[in-house]
Amino acid sequence: MTDFKKIGAKLADGMGTLSKAEPQTMAAFSSLMAATTGTDGSLSVKTKELIALAIAITVRCDGCIAHHVKAVIEAGATRGEVIETIGVAQLMGGGPATVYGVEALEAFDQFTAAS
């Protein structure tokens, strides 16, 4: 079983290292993240994070799945909403998205079991 809490922690450490190595680029990336997912607009933060999770599943990125699963939980998403998001990712990404959808649901269960 993949430990998504460890993946998330390793990603956070790596982002810190990269921020020290290329501060301007990482500051710009952080600003982009805050501008796109940081506040409610026409779309809620939860909706934006669910979209980001669907994309993370379709591009098969474990670190992205860990990050965005944690973010959807913080935004108040339910397990049912995550399952529907996985379904949309499956529609767009086929078999590989199904495999990573299983991973995303596992990540959701790991993060919610910890809280």
PDB file of N, CA and C in Angstrom:
ATOM      1  N   MET A   1       0.841  -1.172   0.000  1.00  0.00           N
ATOM      2  CA  MET A   1       0.000   0.000   0.000  1.00  0.00           C
ATOM      3  C   MET A   1       0.891   1.241   0.000  1.00  0.00           C
ATOM      4  N   THR A   2       0.567   2.180  -0.854  1.00  0.00           N
ATOM      5  CA  THR A   2       1.296   3.439  -0.939  1.00  0.00           C
ATOM      6  C   THR A   2       0.951   4.296   0.265  1.00  0.00           C
ATOM      7  N   ASP A   3       1.955   4.879   0.893  1.00  0.00           N
ATOM      8  CA  ASP A   3       1.741   5.743   2.055  1.00  0.00           C
ATOM      9  C   ASP A   3       1.680   7.193   1.574  1.00  0.00           C
ATOM     10  N   PHE A   4       0.471   7.678   1.344  1.00  0.00           N
ATOM     11  CA  PHE A   4       0.301   9.016   0.790  1.00  0.00           C
ATOM     12  C   PHE A   4       0.642  10.109   1.786  1.00  0.00           C
ATOM     13  N   LYS A   5       0.558   9.816   3.064  1.00  0.00           N
ATOM     14  CA  LYS A   5       0.978  10.807   4.059  1.00  0.00           C
ATOM     15  C   LYS A   5       2.487  11.032   3.950  1.00  0.00           C
ATOM     16  N   LYS A   6       3.255   9.964   3.753  1.00  0.00           N
ATOM     17  CA  LYS A   6       4.701  10.103   3.552  1.00  0.00           C
ATOM     18  C   LYS A   6       5.015  10.808   2.247  1.00  0.00           C
ATOM     19  N   ILE A   7       4.276  10.463   1.199  1.00  0.00           N
ATOM     20  CA  ILE A   7       4.484  11.123  -0.095  1.00  0.00           C
ATOM     21  C   ILE A   7       4.224  12.621   0.043  1.00  0.00           C
ATOM     22  N   GLY A   8       3.142  12.980   0.724  1.00  0.00           N
ATOM     23  CA  GLY A   8       2.828  14.392   0.936  1.00  0.00           C
ATOM     24  C   GLY A   8       3.901  15.109   1.728  1.00  0.00           C
ATOM     25  N   ALA A   9       4.407  14.465   2.775  1.00  0.00           N
ATOM     26  CA  ALA A   9       5.466  15.071   3.591  1.00  0.00           C
ATOM     27  C   ALA A   9       6.755  15.223   2.784  1.00  0.00           C
ATOM     28  N   LYS A  10       7.089  14.201   1.996  1.00  0.00           N
ATOM     29  CA  LYS A  10       8.293  14.275   1.164  1.00  0.00           C
ATOM     30  C   LYS A  10       8.153  15.378   0.112  1.00  0.00           C
ATOM     31  N   LEU A  11       6.973  15.512  -0.454  1.00  0.00           N
ATOM     32  CA  LEU A  11       6.721  16.571  -1.428  1.00  0.00           C
ATOM     33  C   LEU A  11       6.903  17.942  -0.785  1.00  0.00           C
ATOM     34  N   ALA A  12       6.346  18.125   0.408  1.00  0.00           N
ATOM     35  CA  ALA A  12       6.478  19.410   1.101  1.00  0.00           C
ATOM     36  C   ALA A  12       7.951  19.734   1.373  1.00  0.00           C
ATOM     37  N   ASP A  13       8.708  18.746   1.799  1.00  0.00           N
ATOM     38  CA  ASP A  13      10.150  18.954   2.018  1.00  0.00           C
ATOM     39  C   ASP A  13      10.854  19.321   0.719  1.00  0.00           C
ATOM     40  N   GLY A  14      10.522  18.596  -0.337  1.00  0.00           N
ATOM     41  CA  GLY A  14      11.132  18.869  -1.638  1.00  0.00           C
ATOM     42  C   GLY A  14      10.777  20.239  -2.181  1.00  0.00           C
ATOM     43  N   MET A  15       9.550  20.666  -1.948  1.00  0.00           N
ATOM     44  CA  MET A  15       9.148  22.002  -2.388  1.00  0.00           C
ATOM     45  C   MET A  15       9.940  23.064  -1.626  1.00  0.00           C
ATOM     46  N   GLY A  16      10.199  22.806  -0.345  1.00  0.00           N
ATOM     47  CA  GLY A  16      11.023  23.734   0.439  1.00  0.00           C
ATOM     48  C   GLY A  16      12.432  23.820  -0.099  1.00  0.00           C
ATOM     49  N   THR A  17      13.011  22.675  -0.434  1.00  0.00           N
ATOM     50  CA  THR A  17      14.354  22.640  -1.011  1.00  0.00           C
ATOM     51  C   THR A  17      14.392  23.371  -2.344  1.00  0.00           C
ATOM     52  N   LEU A  18      13.395  23.102  -3.178  1.00  0.00           N
ATOM     53  CA  LEU A  18      13.336  23.750  -4.486  1.00  0.00           C
ATOM     54  C   LEU A  18      13.117  25.254  -4.338  1.00  0.00           C
ATOM     55  N   SER A  19      12.347  25.661  -3.341  1.00  0.00           N
ATOM     56  CA  SER A  19      12.121  27.095  -3.095  1.00  0.00           C
ATOM     57  C   SER A  19      13.419  27.814  -2.756  1.00  0.00           C
ATOM     58  N   LYS A  20      14.296  27.140  -2.031  1.00  0.00           N
ATOM     59  CA  LYS A  20      15.599  27.732  -1.709  1.00  0.00           C
ATOM     60  C   LYS A  20      16.488  27.790  -2.952  1.00  0.00           C
ATOM     61  N   ALA A  21      16.366  26.780  -3.810  1.00  0.00           N
ATOM     62  CA  ALA A  21      17.212  26.699  -4.999  1.00  0.00           C
ATOM     63  C   ALA A  21      16.766  27.661  -6.097  1.00  0.00           C
ATOM     64  N   GLU A  22      15.461  27.843  -6.238  1.00  0.00           N
ATOM     65  CA  GLU A  22      14.937  28.754  -7.262  1.00  0.00           C
ATOM     66  C   GLU A  22      13.787  29.572  -6.688  1.00  0.00           C
ATOM     67  N   PRO A  23      14.121  30.522  -5.848  1.00  0.00           N
ATOM     68  CA  PRO A  23      13.080  31.253  -5.113  1.00  0.00           C
ATOM     69  C   PRO A  23      12.106  32.030  -5.993  1.00  0.00           C
ATOM     70  N   GLN A  24      12.565  32.628  -7.062  1.00  0.00           N
ATOM     71  CA  GLN A  24      11.649  33.422  -7.891  1.00  0.00           C
ATOM     72  C   GLN A  24      10.599  32.546  -8.565  1.00  0.00           C
ATOM     73  N   THR A  25      11.036  31.440  -9.125  1.00  0.00           N
ATOM     74  CA  THR A  25      10.101  30.545  -9.811  1.00  0.00           C
ATOM     75  C   THR A  25       9.108  29.949  -8.833  1.00  0.00           C
ATOM     76  N   MET A  26       9.596  29.504  -7.682  1.00  0.00           N
ATOM     77  CA  MET A  26       8.698  28.892  -6.703  1.00  0.00           C
ATOM     78  C   MET A  26       7.754  29.921  -6.087  1.00  0.00           C
ATOM     79  N   ALA A  27       8.209  31.143  -5.913  1.00  0.00           N
ATOM     80  CA  ALA A  27       7.310  32.196  -5.422  1.00  0.00           C
ATOM     81  C   ALA A  27       6.197  32.448  -6.433  1.00  0.00           C
ATOM     82  N   ALA A  28       6.559  32.455  -7.701  1.00  0.00           N
ATOM     83  CA  ALA A  28       5.558  32.649  -8.752  1.00  0.00           C
ATOM     84  C   ALA A  28       4.574  31.480  -8.774  1.00  0.00           C
ATOM     85  N   PHE A  29       5.082  30.263  -8.618  1.00  0.00           N
ATOM     86  CA  PHE A  29       4.215  29.087  -8.593  1.00  0.00           C
ATOM     87  C   PHE A  29       3.277  29.143  -7.389  1.00  0.00           C
ATOM     88  N   SER A  30       3.807  29.521  -6.233  1.00  0.00           N
ATOM     89  CA  SER A  30       2.982  29.638  -5.025  1.00  0.00           C
ATOM     90  C   SER A  30       1.895  30.694  -5.212  1.00  0.00           C
ATOM     91  N   SER A  31       2.256  31.797  -5.841  1.00  0.00           N
ATOM     92  CA  SER A  31       1.266  32.839  -6.125  1.00  0.00           C
ATOM     93  C   SER A  31       0.185  32.332  -7.068  1.00  0.00           C
ATOM     94  N   LEU A  32       0.589  31.558  -8.070  1.00  0.00           N
ATOM     95  CA  LEU A  32      -0.384  30.986  -9.005  1.00  0.00           C
ATOM     96  C   LEU A  32      -1.334  30.042  -8.272  1.00  0.00           C
ATOM     97  N   MET A  33      -0.799  29.197  -7.410  1.00  0.00           N
ATOM     98  CA  MET A  33      -1.655  28.286  -6.649  1.00  0.00           C
ATOM     99  C   MET A  33      -2.634  29.055  -5.780  1.00  0.00           C
ATOM    100  N   ALA A  34      -2.151  30.078  -5.097  1.00  0.00           N
ATOM    101  CA  ALA A  34      -3.023  30.877  -4.229  1.00  0.00           C
ATOM    102  C   ALA A  34      -4.098  31.598  -5.038  1.00  0.00           C
ATOM    103  N   ALA A  35      -3.704  32.108  -6.196  1.00  0.00           N
ATOM    104  CA  ALA A  35      -4.661  32.848  -7.034  1.00  0.00           C
ATOM    105  C   ALA A  35      -5.733  31.927  -7.615  1.00  0.00           C
ATOM    106  N   THR A  36      -5.380  30.687  -7.901  1.00  0.00           N
ATOM    107  CA  THR A  36      -6.341  29.796  -8.552  1.00  0.00           C
ATOM    108  C   THR A  36      -7.171  28.988  -7.573  1.00  0.00           C
ATOM    109  N   THR A  37      -6.598  28.567  -6.463  1.00  0.00           N
ATOM    110  CA  THR A  37      -7.335  27.682  -5.555  1.00  0.00           C
ATOM    111  C   THR A  37      -7.483  28.246  -4.147  1.00  0.00           C
ATOM    112  N   GLY A  38      -6.937  29.411  -3.889  1.00  0.00           N
ATOM    113  CA  GLY A  38      -6.894  29.930  -2.534  1.00  0.00           C
ATOM    114  C   GLY A  38      -8.180  30.512  -1.998  1.00  0.00           C
ATOM    115  N   THR A  39      -9.058  30.963  -2.871  1.00  0.00           N
ATOM    116  CA  THR A  39     -10.306  31.580  -2.405  1.00  0.00           C
ATOM    117  C   THR A  39     -11.467  31.178  -3.298  1.00  0.00           C
ATOM    118  N   ASP A  40     -12.652  31.289  -2.735  1.00  0.00           N
ATOM    119  CA  ASP A  40     -13.856  31.058  -3.520  1.00  0.00           C
ATOM    120  C   ASP A  40     -14.019  32.186  -4.529  1.00  0.00           C
ATOM    121  N   GLY A  41     -14.482  31.826  -5.696  1.00  0.00           N
ATOM    122  CA  GLY A  41     -14.854  32.784  -6.734  1.00  0.00           C
ATOM    123  C   GLY A  41     -16.141  32.254  -7.336  1.00  0.00           C
ATOM    124  N   SER A  42     -16.217  32.234  -8.636  1.00  0.00           N
ATOM    125  CA  SER A  42     -17.361  31.593  -9.282  1.00  0.00           C
ATOM    126  C   SER A  42     -17.390  30.111  -8.937  1.00  0.00           C
ATOM    127  N   LEU A  43     -16.219  29.532  -8.737  1.00  0.00           N
ATOM    128  CA  LEU A  43     -16.094  28.158  -8.253  1.00  0.00           C
ATOM    129  C   LEU A  43     -15.606  28.204  -6.806  1.00  0.00           C
ATOM    130  N   SER A  44     -16.090  27.295  -6.002  1.00  0.00           N
ATOM    131  CA  SER A  44     -15.617  27.207  -4.624  1.00  0.00           C
ATOM    132  C   SER A  44     -14.216  26.606  -4.591  1.00  0.00           C
ATOM    133  N   VAL A  45     -13.517  26.833  -3.489  1.00  0.00           N
ATOM    134  CA  VAL A  45     -12.200  26.213  -3.300  1.00  0.00           C
ATOM    135  C   VAL A  45     -12.331  24.701  -3.415  1.00  0.00           C
ATOM    136  N   LYS A  46     -13.375  24.139  -2.821  1.00  0.00           N
ATOM    137  CA  LYS A  46     -13.575  22.689  -2.880  1.00  0.00           C
ATOM    138  C   LYS A  46     -13.702  22.218  -4.320  1.00  0.00           C
ATOM    139  N   THR A  47     -14.492  22.897  -5.129  1.00  0.00           N
ATOM    140  CA  THR A  47     -14.662  22.512  -6.535  1.00  0.00           C
ATOM    141  C   THR A  47     -13.343  22.598  -7.287  1.00  0.00           C
ATOM    142  N   LYS A  48     -12.607  23.669  -7.064  1.00  0.00           N
ATOM    143  CA  LYS A  48     -11.310  23.825  -7.732  1.00  0.00           C
ATOM    144  C   LYS A  48     -10.363  22.703  -7.352  1.00  0.00           C
ATOM    145  N   GLU A  49     -10.350  22.340  -6.074  1.00  0.00           N
ATOM    146  CA  GLU A  49      -9.462  21.259  -5.633  1.00  0.00           C
ATOM    147  C   GLU A  49      -9.914  19.905  -6.158  1.00  0.00           C
ATOM    148  N   LEU A  50     -11.218  19.692  -6.277  1.00  0.00           N
ATOM    149  CA  LEU A  50     -11.700  18.446  -6.884  1.00  0.00           C
ATOM    150  C   LEU A  50     -11.288  18.366  -8.350  1.00  0.00           C
ATOM    151  N   ILE A  51     -11.344  19.487  -9.062  1.00  0.00           N
ATOM    152  CA  ILE A  51     -10.867  19.523 -10.452  1.00  0.00           C
ATOM    153  C   ILE A  51      -9.372  19.192 -10.493  1.00  0.00           C
ATOM    154  N   ALA A  52      -8.604  19.811  -9.602  1.00  0.00           N
ATOM    155  CA  ALA A  52      -7.167  19.541  -9.560  1.00  0.00           C
ATOM    156  C   ALA A  52      -6.895  18.068  -9.249  1.00  0.00           C
ATOM    157  N   LEU A  53      -7.699  17.481  -8.375  1.00  0.00           N
ATOM    158  CA  LEU A  53      -7.535  16.058  -8.072  1.00  0.00           C
ATOM    159  C   LEU A  53      -7.826  15.207  -9.302  1.00  0.00           C
ATOM    160  N   ALA A  54      -8.873  15.532 -10.041  1.00  0.00           N
ATOM    161  CA  ALA A  54      -9.180  14.771 -11.260  1.00  0.00           C
ATOM    162  C   ALA A  54      -8.016  14.842 -12.248  1.00  0.00           C
ATOM    163  N   ILE A  55      -7.422  16.020 -12.372  1.00  0.00           N
ATOM    164  CA  ILE A  55      -6.279  16.168 -13.269  1.00  0.00           C
ATOM    165  C   ILE A  55      -5.094  15.368 -12.739  1.00  0.00           C
ATOM    166  N   ALA A  56      -4.855  15.419 -11.437  1.00  0.00           N
ATOM    167  CA  ALA A  56      -3.751  14.657 -10.833  1.00  0.00           C
ATOM    168  C   ALA A  56      -3.898  13.170 -11.122  1.00  0.00           C
ATOM    169  N   ILE A  57      -5.133  12.675 -11.055  1.00  0.00           N
ATOM    170  CA  ILE A  57      -5.394  11.263 -11.346  1.00  0.00           C
ATOM    171  C   ILE A  57      -5.102  10.964 -12.820  1.00  0.00           C
ATOM    172  N   THR A  58      -5.564  11.820 -13.721  1.00  0.00           N
ATOM    173  CA  THR A  58      -5.389  11.533 -15.150  1.00  0.00           C
ATOM    174  C   THR A  58      -3.942  11.672 -15.596  1.00  0.00           C
ATOM    175  N   VAL A  59      -3.157  12.520 -14.922  1.00  0.00           N
ATOM    176  CA  VAL A  59      -1.742  12.634 -15.306  1.00  0.00           C
ATOM    177  C   VAL A  59      -0.855  11.688 -14.494  1.00  0.00           C
ATOM    178  N   ARG A  60      -1.470  10.942 -13.559  1.00  0.00           N
ATOM    179  CA  ARG A  60      -0.796   9.881 -12.804  1.00  0.00           C
ATOM    180  C   ARG A  60       0.355  10.399 -11.946  1.00  0.00           C
ATOM    181  N   CYS A  61       0.049  11.366 -11.100  1.00  0.00           N
ATOM    182  CA  CYS A  61       1.057  12.017 -10.265  1.00  0.00           C
ATOM    183  C   CYS A  61       0.765  11.745  -8.790  1.00  0.00           C
ATOM    184  N   ASP A  62       1.546  10.839  -8.176  1.00  0.00           N
ATOM    185  CA  ASP A  62       1.328  10.490  -6.771  1.00  0.00           C
ATOM    186  C   ASP A  62       1.433  11.695  -5.842  1.00  0.00           C
ATOM    187  N   GLY A  63       2.445  12.531  -6.050  1.00  0.00           N
ATOM    188  CA  GLY A  63       2.610  13.709  -5.207  1.00  0.00           C
ATOM    189  C   GLY A  63       1.443  14.663  -5.346  1.00  0.00           C
ATOM    190  N   CYS A  64       0.960  14.826  -6.579  1.00  0.00           N
ATOM    191  CA  CYS A  64      -0.199  15.694  -6.826  1.00  0.00           C
ATOM    192  C   CYS A  64      -1.443  15.122  -6.166  1.00  0.00           C
ATOM    193  N   ILE A  65      -1.608  13.811  -6.250  1.00  0.00           N
ATOM    194  CA  ILE A  65      -2.758  13.171  -5.605  1.00  0.00           C
ATOM    195  C   ILE A  65      -2.694  13.408  -4.101  1.00  0.00           C
ATOM    196  N   ALA A  66      -1.535  13.185  -3.496  1.00  0.00           N
ATOM    197  CA  ALA A  66      -1.397  13.401  -2.049  1.00  0.00           C
ATOM    198  C   ALA A  66      -1.743  14.845  -1.687  1.00  0.00           C
ATOM    199  N   HIS A  67      -1.189  15.788  -2.423  1.00  0.00           N
ATOM    200  CA  HIS A  67      -1.424  17.201  -2.122  1.00  0.00           C
ATOM    201  C   HIS A  67      -2.897  17.574  -2.272  1.00  0.00           C
ATOM    202  N   HIS A  68      -3.503  17.188  -3.387  1.00  0.00           N
ATOM    203  CA  HIS A  68      -4.866  17.627  -3.658  1.00  0.00           C
ATOM    204  C   HIS A  68      -5.904  16.838  -2.866  1.00  0.00           C
ATOM    205  N   VAL A  69      -5.620  15.598  -2.502  1.00  0.00           N
ATOM    206  CA  VAL A  69      -6.531  14.884  -1.602  1.00  0.00           C
ATOM    207  C   VAL A  69      -6.558  15.587  -0.251  1.00  0.00           C
ATOM    208  N   LYS A  70      -5.386  15.935   0.257  1.00  0.00           N
ATOM    209  CA  LYS A  70      -5.337  16.659   1.528  1.00  0.00           C
ATOM    210  C   LYS A  70      -6.099  17.982   1.413  1.00  0.00           C
ATOM    211  N   ALA A  71      -5.933  18.670   0.298  1.00  0.00           N
ATOM    212  CA  ALA A  71      -6.604  19.953   0.087  1.00  0.00           C
ATOM    213  C   ALA A  71      -8.119  19.791  -0.025  1.00  0.00           C
ATOM    214  N   VAL A  72      -8.605  18.727  -0.688  1.00  0.00           N
ATOM    215  CA  VAL A  72     -10.058  18.550  -0.786  1.00  0.00           C
ATOM    216  C   VAL A  72     -10.662  18.229   0.571  1.00  0.00           C
ATOM    217  N   ILE A  73      -9.933  17.500   1.377  1.00  0.00           N
ATOM    218  CA  ILE A  73     -10.408  17.211   2.734  1.00  0.00           C
ATOM    219  C   ILE A  73     -10.495  18.509   3.530  1.00  0.00           C
ATOM    220  N   GLU A  74      -9.440  19.321   3.449  1.00  0.00           N
ATOM    221  CA  GLU A  74      -9.441  20.607   4.153  1.00  0.00           C
ATOM    222  C   GLU A  74     -10.554  21.526   3.654  1.00  0.00           C
ATOM    223  N   ALA A  75     -10.930  21.371   2.382  1.00  0.00           N
ATOM    224  CA  ALA A  75     -12.001  22.187   1.802  1.00  0.00           C
ATOM    225  C   ALA A  75     -13.389  21.615   2.103  1.00  0.00           C
ATOM    226  N   GLY A  76     -13.443  20.472   2.781  1.00  0.00           N
ATOM    227  CA  GLY A  76     -14.720  19.909   3.189  1.00  0.00           C
ATOM    228  C   GLY A  76     -15.330  18.888   2.250  1.00  0.00           C
ATOM    229  N   ALA A  77     -14.554  18.357   1.324  1.00  0.00           N
ATOM    230  CA  ALA A  77     -15.097  17.362   0.395  1.00  0.00           C
ATOM    231  C   ALA A  77     -15.396  16.057   1.121  1.00  0.00           C
ATOM    232  N   THR A  78     -16.444  15.407   0.681  1.00  0.00           N
ATOM    233  CA  THR A  78     -16.826  14.115   1.240  1.00  0.00           C
ATOM    234  C   THR A  78     -16.202  12.985   0.415  1.00  0.00           C
ATOM    235  N   ARG A  79     -16.242  11.801   0.972  1.00  0.00           N
ATOM    236  CA  ARG A  79     -15.753  10.623   0.251  1.00  0.00           C
ATOM    237  C   ARG A  79     -16.573  10.432  -1.030  1.00  0.00           C
ATOM    238  N   GLY A  80     -17.876  10.667  -0.952  1.00  0.00           N
ATOM    239  CA  GLY A  80     -18.729  10.553  -2.139  1.00  0.00           C
ATOM    240  C   GLY A  80     -18.334  11.518  -3.234  1.00  0.00           C
ATOM    241  N   GLU A  81     -17.989  12.745  -2.854  1.00  0.00           N
ATOM    242  CA  GLU A  81     -17.553  13.727  -3.859  1.00  0.00           C
ATOM    243  C   GLU A  81     -16.232  13.305  -4.495  1.00  0.00           C
ATOM    244  N   VAL A  82     -15.337  12.744  -3.695  1.00  0.00           N
ATOM    245  CA  VAL A  82     -14.069  12.258  -4.243  1.00  0.00           C
ATOM    246  C   VAL A  82     -14.323  11.093  -5.187  1.00  0.00           C
ATOM    247  N   ILE A  83     -15.232  10.202  -4.828  1.00  0.00           N
ATOM    248  CA  ILE A  83     -15.552   9.071  -5.704  1.00  0.00           C
ATOM    249  C   ILE A  83     -16.127   9.561  -7.034  1.00  0.00           C
ATOM    250  N   GLU A  84     -17.003  10.559  -7.007  1.00  0.00           N
ATOM    251  CA  GLU A  84     -17.535  11.100  -8.262  1.00  0.00           C
ATOM    252  C   GLU A  84     -16.444  11.776  -9.084  1.00  0.00           C
ATOM    253  N   THR A  85     -15.520  12.439  -8.406  1.00  0.00           N
ATOM    254  CA  THR A  85     -14.378  13.060  -9.094  1.00  0.00           C
ATOM    255  C   THR A  85     -13.529  11.990  -9.767  1.00  0.00           C
ATOM    256  N   ILE A  86     -13.316  10.882  -9.079  1.00  0.00           N
ATOM    257  CA  ILE A  86     -12.572   9.762  -9.664  1.00  0.00           C
ATOM    258  C   ILE A  86     -13.301   9.266 -10.917  1.00  0.00           C
ATOM    259  N   GLY A  87     -14.620   9.206 -10.870  1.00  0.00           N
ATOM    260  CA  GLY A  87     -15.393   8.784 -12.041  1.00  0.00           C
ATOM    261  C   GLY A  87     -15.173   9.687 -13.241  1.00  0.00           C
ATOM    262  N   VAL A  88     -15.130  10.991 -13.005  1.00  0.00           N
ATOM    263  CA  VAL A  88     -14.869  11.933 -14.100  1.00  0.00           C
ATOM    264  C   VAL A  88     -13.462  11.696 -14.651  1.00  0.00           C
ATOM    265  N   ALA A  89     -12.499  11.487 -13.762  1.00  0.00           N
ATOM    266  CA  ALA A  89     -11.126  11.205 -14.205  1.00  0.00           C
ATOM    267  C   ALA A  89     -11.086   9.916 -15.021  1.00  0.00           C
ATOM    268  N   GLN A  90     -11.843   8.902 -14.617  1.00  0.00           N
ATOM    269  CA  GLN A  90     -11.898   7.655 -15.375  1.00  0.00           C
ATOM    270  C   GLN A  90     -12.467   7.884 -16.772  1.00  0.00           C
ATOM    271  N   LEU A  91     -13.515   8.709 -16.846  1.00  0.00           N
ATOM    272  CA  LEU A  91     -14.100   9.031 -18.143  1.00  0.00           C
ATOM    273  C   LEU A  91     -13.043   9.612 -19.072  1.00  0.00           C
ATOM    274  N   MET A  92     -12.249  10.520 -18.552  1.00  0.00           N
ATOM    275  CA  MET A  92     -11.276  11.236 -19.383  1.00  0.00           C
ATOM    276  C   MET A  92      -9.954  10.488 -19.538  1.00  0.00           C
ATOM    277  N   GLY A  93      -9.626   9.609 -18.586  1.00  0.00           N
ATOM    278  CA  GLY A  93      -8.308   8.984 -18.609  1.00  0.00           C
ATOM    279  C   GLY A  93      -8.285   7.479 -18.761  1.00  0.00           C
ATOM    280  N   GLY A  94      -9.450   6.842 -18.842  1.00  0.00           N
ATOM    281  CA  GLY A  94      -9.514   5.409 -19.080  1.00  0.00           C
ATOM    282  C   GLY A  94      -8.892   4.540 -18.000  1.00  0.00           C
ATOM    283  N   GLY A  95      -8.301   3.443 -18.438  1.00  0.00           N
ATOM    284  CA  GLY A  95      -7.728   2.451 -17.528  1.00  0.00           C
ATOM    285  C   GLY A  95      -6.676   3.003 -16.585  1.00  0.00           C
ATOM    286  N   PRO A  96      -5.689   3.760 -17.099  1.00  0.00           N
ATOM    287  CA  PRO A  96      -4.686   4.305 -16.187  1.00  0.00           C
ATOM    288  C   PRO A  96      -5.293   5.215 -15.110  1.00  0.00           C
ATOM    289  N   ALA A  97      -6.305   5.987 -15.465  1.00  0.00           N
ATOM    290  CA  ALA A  97      -6.958   6.844 -14.479  1.00  0.00           C
ATOM    291  C   ALA A  97      -7.722   6.000 -13.459  1.00  0.00           C
ATOM    292  N   THR A  98      -8.211   4.846 -13.872  1.00  0.00           N
ATOM    293  CA  THR A  98      -8.872   3.947 -12.934  1.00  0.00           C
ATOM    294  C   THR A  98      -7.884   3.471 -11.881  1.00  0.00           C
ATOM    295  N   VAL A  99      -6.692   3.089 -12.324  1.00  0.00           N
ATOM    296  CA  VAL A  99      -5.654   2.645 -11.384  1.00  0.00           C
ATOM    297  C   VAL A  99      -5.307   3.768 -10.414  1.00  0.00           C
ATOM    298  N   TYR A 100      -5.120   4.974 -10.913  1.00  0.00           N
ATOM    299  CA  TYR A 100      -4.777   6.095 -10.041  1.00  0.00           C
ATOM    300  C   TYR A 100      -5.987   6.596  -9.256  1.00  0.00           C
ATOM    301  N   GLY A 101      -7.183   6.312  -9.735  1.00  0.00           N
ATOM    302  CA  GLY A 101      -8.379   6.590  -8.953  1.00  0.00           C
ATOM    303  C   GLY A 101      -8.429   5.728  -7.702  1.00  0.00           C
ATOM    304  N   VAL A 102      -8.037   4.475  -7.849  1.00  0.00           N
ATOM    305  CA  VAL A 102      -7.926   3.589  -6.687  1.00  0.00           C
ATOM    306  C   VAL A 102      -6.934   4.195  -5.688  1.00  0.00           C
ATOM    307  N   GLU A 103      -5.813   4.692  -6.210  1.00  0.00           N
ATOM    308  CA  GLU A 103      -4.799   5.320  -5.357  1.00  0.00           C
ATOM    309  C   GLU A 103      -5.365   6.569  -4.662  1.00  0.00           C
ATOM    310  N   ALA A 104      -6.115   7.370  -5.389  1.00  0.00           N
ATOM    311  CA  ALA A 104      -6.673   8.594  -4.814  1.00  0.00           C
ATOM    312  C   ALA A 104      -7.659   8.280  -3.691  1.00  0.00           C
ATOM    313  N   LEU A 105      -8.480   7.263  -3.884  1.00  0.00           N
ATOM    314  CA  LEU A 105      -9.420   6.885  -2.833  1.00  0.00           C
ATOM    315  C   LEU A 105      -8.673   6.348  -1.620  1.00  0.00           C
ATOM    316  N   GLU A 106      -7.619   5.591  -1.863  1.00  0.00           N
ATOM    317  CA  GLU A 106      -6.774   5.101  -0.776  1.00  0.00           C
ATOM    318  C   GLU A 106      -6.163   6.283  -0.020  1.00  0.00           C
ATOM    319  N   ALA A 107      -5.693   7.274  -0.758  1.00  0.00           N
ATOM    320  CA  ALA A 107      -5.123   8.469  -0.133  1.00  0.00           C
ATOM    321  C   ALA A 107      -6.182   9.181   0.726  1.00  0.00           C
ATOM    322  N   PHE A 108      -7.391   9.335   0.196  1.00  0.00           N
ATOM    323  CA  PHE A 108      -8.471   9.957   0.953  1.00  0.00           C
ATOM    324  C   PHE A 108      -8.703   9.203   2.259  1.00  0.00           C
ATOM    325  N   ASP A 109      -8.778   7.876   2.164  1.00  0.00           N
ATOM    326  CA  ASP A 109      -9.019   7.072   3.361  1.00  0.00           C
ATOM    327  C   ASP A 109      -7.869   7.183   4.360  1.00  0.00           C
ATOM    328  N   GLN A 110      -6.628   7.247   3.875  1.00  0.00           N
ATOM    329  CA  GLN A 110      -5.478   7.409   4.771  1.00  0.00           C
ATOM    330  C   GLN A 110      -5.518   8.743   5.493  1.00  0.00           C
ATOM    331  N   PHE A 111      -5.765   9.804   4.747  1.00  0.00           N
ATOM    332  CA  PHE A 111      -5.771  11.143   5.363  1.00  0.00           C
ATOM    333  C   PHE A 111      -6.950  11.317   6.315  1.00  0.00           C
ATOM    334  N   THR A 112      -8.113  10.768   5.972  1.00  0.00           N
ATOM    335  CA  THR A 112      -9.250  10.936   6.872  1.00  0.00           C
ATOM    336  C   THR A 112      -9.141  10.044   8.101  1.00  0.00           C
ATOM    337  N   ALA A 113      -8.498   8.891   7.974  1.00  0.00           N
ATOM    338  CA  ALA A 113      -8.291   8.017   9.133  1.00  0.00           C
ATOM    339  C   ALA A 113      -7.352   8.662  10.139  1.00  0.00           C
ATOM    340  N   ALA A 114      -6.456   9.519   9.646  1.00  0.00           N
ATOM    341  CA  ALA A 114      -5.475  10.168  10.508  1.00  0.00           C
ATOM    342  C   ALA A 114      -6.081  11.317  11.304  1.00  0.00           C
ATOM    343  N   SER A 115      -7.237  11.816  10.850  1.00  0.00           N
ATOM    344  CA  SER A 115      -7.803  12.983  11.551  1.00  0.00           C
ATOM    345  C   SER A 115      -8.897  12.607  12.523  1.00  0.00           C
TER     346      SER A 115
END
